[in-house]
Amino acid sequence: MIKSYNFFILIFLFITQLVGCAAVGVTGVVAPPLSFADRRSTEIQIIDQKNEFKAIIEIQETYKDANVSFVSFNQTLVITGEVPSDELKTKVEGLAKNVEGVEEVKNFLIVGKNSSLRSKSLDVISTANVKSRIFAKTNAGQYKDKISATHIKVFTERQEVYLMGLVTKEEADVAIKIAKSSKGAKKIIPLFEINEGFKK
C-alpha cells in the first residue's frame, strides 16, 4: 500500500513538473511565455524563464545531493529548499548572483535534510489550492475584481507559500488574505514589488 501511494505521488509530481517545464524545448531553447496579461514585459518573462533554466544548469553540480529550487520573477531569483551546510548555502547564493540576467537573489535555503516525497506532494497541492482560491475569490464575492490571478506568482516549499508579483498595496493585501485562508498553507511569504502606478 505504501509503495503504491509513493508511486502515485511520484507520477503526480512528474506530470505537474513536466507541465511546468513545457516552455523549455528539447534543444534547451526557452519558448515565449503564454501569459499576455502578465505585467512584466514579454522580454522580462522570457528572461525569467531563462534565469531559472540557467541557474539549474550552471549550479546543479554544486548541490547535486541537496534539494534546491529556483524561481525567477522580474529578474529576482528566489532560492528555496534544503542543503547540508551553511557553506553550501552561501556558495549556491554566490553562484546564483553571477547568473547572467539575474539582478537580485533572495536565499531561503535552510540547512537540513531534504524534503520528503510526501512533503513535496503537499507543496504541489498547496500551490494549486492557493492559485485556485485567488482565481475564484477575485472573480466573485468579497474580492471581486480586486486583483487578477494572472498578476500573482505562487509557489510552495515545505508548505510555506511564496507570493510574487508586480502589484499595488491593496492587491498585495488581498492576495495575502486569500493565501492565509488556504488549506495547507503553514506560512505566507510575500515578495511583492509594490507599484501604485497599477491602480485602476
Protein backbone atom coordinates (compact mmCIF):
# COMPACT_ATOMS: atom_id res chain seq x y z
CA MET A 1 0.00 0.00 0.00
CA ILE A 2 2.84 2.38 0.93
CA LYS A 3 4.69 1.62 -2.28
CA SER A 4 1.57 2.28 -4.34
CA TYR A 5 0.99 5.58 -2.55
CA ASN A 6 4.58 6.69 -3.15
CA PHE A 7 4.37 5.66 -6.80
CA PHE A 8 1.17 7.70 -7.25
CA ILE A 9 2.80 10.78 -5.72
CA LEU A 10 5.87 10.34 -7.92
CA ILE A 11 3.75 10.17 -11.08
CA PHE A 12 1.69 13.20 -9.95
CA LEU A 13 4.82 15.26 -9.32
CA PHE A 14 6.33 14.19 -12.63
CA ILE A 15 3.26 15.29 -14.57
CA THR A 16 2.99 18.66 -12.82
CA GLN A 17 6.69 19.35 -13.24
CA LEU A 18 6.52 18.30 -16.89
CA VAL A 19 3.71 20.77 -17.49
CA GLY A 20 5.61 23.46 -15.63
CA CYS A 21 8.70 22.90 -17.76
CA ALA A 22 6.83 22.84 -21.05
CA ALA A 23 8.36 26.18 -22.01
CA VAL A 24 11.79 24.56 -22.33
CA GLY A 25 12.19 22.70 -25.58
CA VAL A 26 14.31 19.65 -26.40
CA THR A 27 17.08 21.90 -27.72
CA GLY A 28 17.17 23.87 -24.47
CA VAL A 29 15.61 26.92 -26.10
CA VAL A 30 13.18 28.75 -23.86
CA ALA A 31 9.87 29.33 -25.62
CA PRO A 32 7.93 32.60 -25.30
CA PRO A 33 5.63 32.68 -22.26
CA LEU A 34 1.91 32.27 -22.77
CA SER A 35 0.72 34.98 -20.37
CA PHE A 36 -0.05 38.19 -22.22
CA ALA A 37 -1.89 39.52 -19.14
CA ASP A 38 1.35 39.50 -17.12
CA ARG A 39 2.50 42.96 -16.02
CA ARG A 40 6.06 42.04 -16.89
CA SER A 41 7.07 42.75 -20.46
CA THR A 42 7.33 39.76 -22.77
CA GLU A 43 11.10 40.27 -22.78
CA ILE A 44 11.31 40.08 -18.97
CA GLN A 45 9.07 36.99 -18.89
CA ILE A 46 11.49 35.27 -21.28
CA ILE A 47 14.50 36.43 -19.24
CA ASP A 48 12.90 34.99 -16.08
CA GLN A 49 12.37 31.63 -17.76
CA LYS A 50 15.98 31.65 -18.96
CA ASN A 51 17.23 32.63 -15.49
CA GLU A 52 15.59 29.60 -13.89
CA PHE A 53 16.96 27.30 -16.59
CA LYS A 54 20.47 28.79 -16.43
CA ALA A 55 20.56 28.62 -12.62
CA ILE A 56 19.75 24.91 -12.73
CA ILE A 57 22.32 24.18 -15.44
CA GLU A 58 25.12 26.33 -14.03
CA ILE A 59 24.74 25.46 -10.34
CA GLN A 60 23.38 21.90 -10.27
CA GLU A 61 26.78 20.21 -9.81
CA THR A 62 27.24 22.21 -6.60
CA TYR A 63 24.04 20.95 -4.96
CA LYS A 64 23.53 17.58 -6.68
CA ASP A 65 22.92 15.80 -3.34
CA ALA A 66 20.70 18.56 -1.95
CA ASN A 67 17.18 19.81 -2.71
CA VAL A 68 17.37 23.24 -4.33
CA SER A 69 14.76 25.09 -6.41
CA PHE A 70 14.95 28.35 -8.34
CA VAL A 71 12.09 30.71 -9.20
CA SER A 72 12.69 33.93 -11.12
CA PHE A 73 10.27 36.86 -11.28
CA ASN A 74 11.15 40.25 -12.73
CA GLN A 75 14.81 39.18 -12.65
CA THR A 76 14.72 38.42 -8.92
CA LEU A 77 15.86 34.83 -8.36
CA VAL A 78 14.40 33.11 -5.28
CA ILE A 79 16.23 30.04 -3.97
CA THR A 80 14.38 27.55 -1.76
CA GLY A 81 14.99 24.04 -0.47
CA GLU A 82 17.49 22.31 1.76
CA VAL A 83 21.27 21.98 1.78
CA PRO A 84 23.53 20.07 4.21
CA SER A 85 25.68 23.03 5.34
CA ASP A 86 25.86 26.80 5.72
CA GLU A 87 28.90 26.73 3.45
CA LEU A 88 26.90 25.21 0.60
CA LYS A 89 24.03 27.64 1.23
CA THR A 90 26.40 30.58 0.82
CA LYS A 91 28.09 29.02 -2.22
CA VAL A 92 24.79 28.43 -4.06
CA GLU A 93 23.77 32.05 -3.41
CA GLY A 94 27.11 33.34 -4.68
CA LEU A 95 26.86 31.34 -7.89
CA ALA A 96 23.24 32.46 -8.38
CA LYS A 97 24.28 36.11 -8.19
CA ASN A 98 26.64 35.50 -11.11
CA VAL A 99 23.95 34.08 -13.40
CA GLU A 100 23.62 36.43 -16.35
CA GLY A 101 20.23 38.16 -16.29
CA VAL A 102 19.73 37.90 -12.52
CA GLU A 103 19.54 41.29 -10.82
CA GLU A 104 18.70 40.19 -7.26
CA VAL A 105 18.88 36.94 -5.28
CA LYS A 106 16.72 36.04 -2.29
CA ASN A 107 18.09 32.99 -0.48
CA PHE A 108 15.56 31.00 1.56
CA LEU A 109 17.59 27.79 1.71
CA ILE A 110 17.67 26.04 5.07
CA VAL A 111 20.35 23.74 6.42
CA GLY A 112 18.86 20.31 6.98
CA LYS A 113 17.60 17.10 5.43
CA ASN A 114 15.95 17.10 2.01
CA SER A 115 12.16 17.32 1.91
CA SER A 116 10.36 14.01 1.67
CA LEU A 117 8.33 12.96 -1.36
CA ARG A 118 5.19 13.43 0.73
CA SER A 119 6.20 16.98 1.66
CA LYS A 120 6.83 17.81 -2.00
CA SER A 121 3.42 16.44 -2.96
CA LEU A 122 1.78 18.60 -0.28
CA ASP A 123 3.62 21.62 -1.71
CA VAL A 124 2.15 20.95 -5.16
CA ILE A 125 -1.33 20.64 -3.68
CA SER A 126 -0.90 23.78 -1.56
CA THR A 127 0.22 25.83 -4.58
CA ALA A 128 -2.73 24.62 -6.63
CA ASN A 129 -5.11 25.38 -3.75
CA VAL A 130 -3.86 28.97 -3.30
CA LYS A 131 -3.93 29.65 -7.05
CA SER A 132 -7.47 28.31 -7.42
CA ARG A 133 -8.71 30.28 -4.39
CA ILE A 134 -7.19 33.53 -5.66
CA PHE A 135 -8.84 32.94 -9.04
CA ALA A 136 -12.23 32.05 -7.54
CA LYS A 137 -12.38 34.76 -4.89
CA THR A 138 -11.33 37.56 -7.25
CA ASN A 139 -13.95 36.62 -9.81
CA ALA A 140 -16.86 36.66 -7.37
CA GLY A 141 -17.76 37.72 -3.83
CA GLN A 142 -15.88 39.96 -1.44
CA TYR A 143 -12.73 40.33 -3.55
CA LYS A 144 -14.36 40.53 -6.99
CA ASP A 145 -12.16 42.49 -9.41
CA LYS A 146 -9.77 43.45 -6.59
CA ILE A 147 -6.87 41.68 -8.28
CA SER A 148 -6.18 39.47 -11.28
CA ALA A 149 -4.87 35.99 -10.56
CA THR A 150 -2.56 36.37 -13.57
CA HIS A 151 -0.61 39.02 -11.66
CA ILE A 152 0.31 36.68 -8.81
CA LYS A 153 3.04 34.03 -8.95
CA VAL A 154 2.60 31.29 -6.34
CA PHE A 155 4.98 28.53 -5.29
CA THR A 156 5.41 26.48 -2.14
CA GLU A 157 8.30 24.91 -0.22
CA ARG A 158 7.75 22.89 2.99
CA GLN A 159 4.13 24.14 2.98
CA GLU A 160 5.36 27.73 3.13
CA VAL A 161 3.68 29.69 0.35
CA TYR A 162 5.64 32.33 -1.55
CA LEU A 163 3.79 35.12 -3.37
CA MET A 164 5.39 37.29 -6.04
CA GLY A 165 4.05 39.89 -8.45
CA LEU A 166 4.00 43.48 -9.63
CA VAL A 167 1.05 44.79 -7.62
CA THR A 168 -0.42 47.69 -5.69
CA LYS A 169 -0.50 47.63 -1.88
CA GLU A 170 -4.23 46.83 -1.95
CA GLU A 171 -3.72 43.95 -4.37
CA ALA A 172 -0.91 42.56 -2.23
CA ASP A 173 -3.09 42.70 0.89
CA VAL A 174 -5.93 40.87 -0.88
CA ALA A 175 -3.62 38.13 -2.19
CA ILE A 176 -2.09 37.63 1.27
CA LYS A 177 -5.50 37.40 2.95
CA ILE A 178 -6.70 34.79 0.47
CA ALA A 179 -3.49 32.79 0.74
CA LYS A 180 -3.63 32.80 4.54
CA SER A 181 -7.12 31.30 4.43
CA SER A 182 -6.00 28.48 2.11
CA LYS A 183 -5.82 24.97 3.48
CA GLY A 184 -2.32 23.56 3.91
CA ALA A 185 -0.50 26.90 3.96
CA LYS A 186 1.61 26.96 7.14
CA LYS A 187 3.19 30.33 6.41
CA ILE A 188 2.82 33.06 3.77
CA ILE A 189 5.97 34.76 2.48
CA PRO A 190 5.07 37.84 0.36
CA LEU A 191 7.81 39.00 -2.00
CA PHE A 192 5.77 41.51 -3.98
CA GLU A 193 7.11 44.53 -5.82
CA ILE A 194 4.68 47.30 -4.86
CA ASN A 195 3.86 49.85 -7.56
CA GLU A 196 0.87 52.14 -7.07
CA GLY A 197 1.07 53.02 -10.76
CA PHE A 198 -1.02 49.91 -11.40
CA LYS A 199 -4.06 51.40 -9.65
CA LYS A 200 -7.17 51.36 -11.86
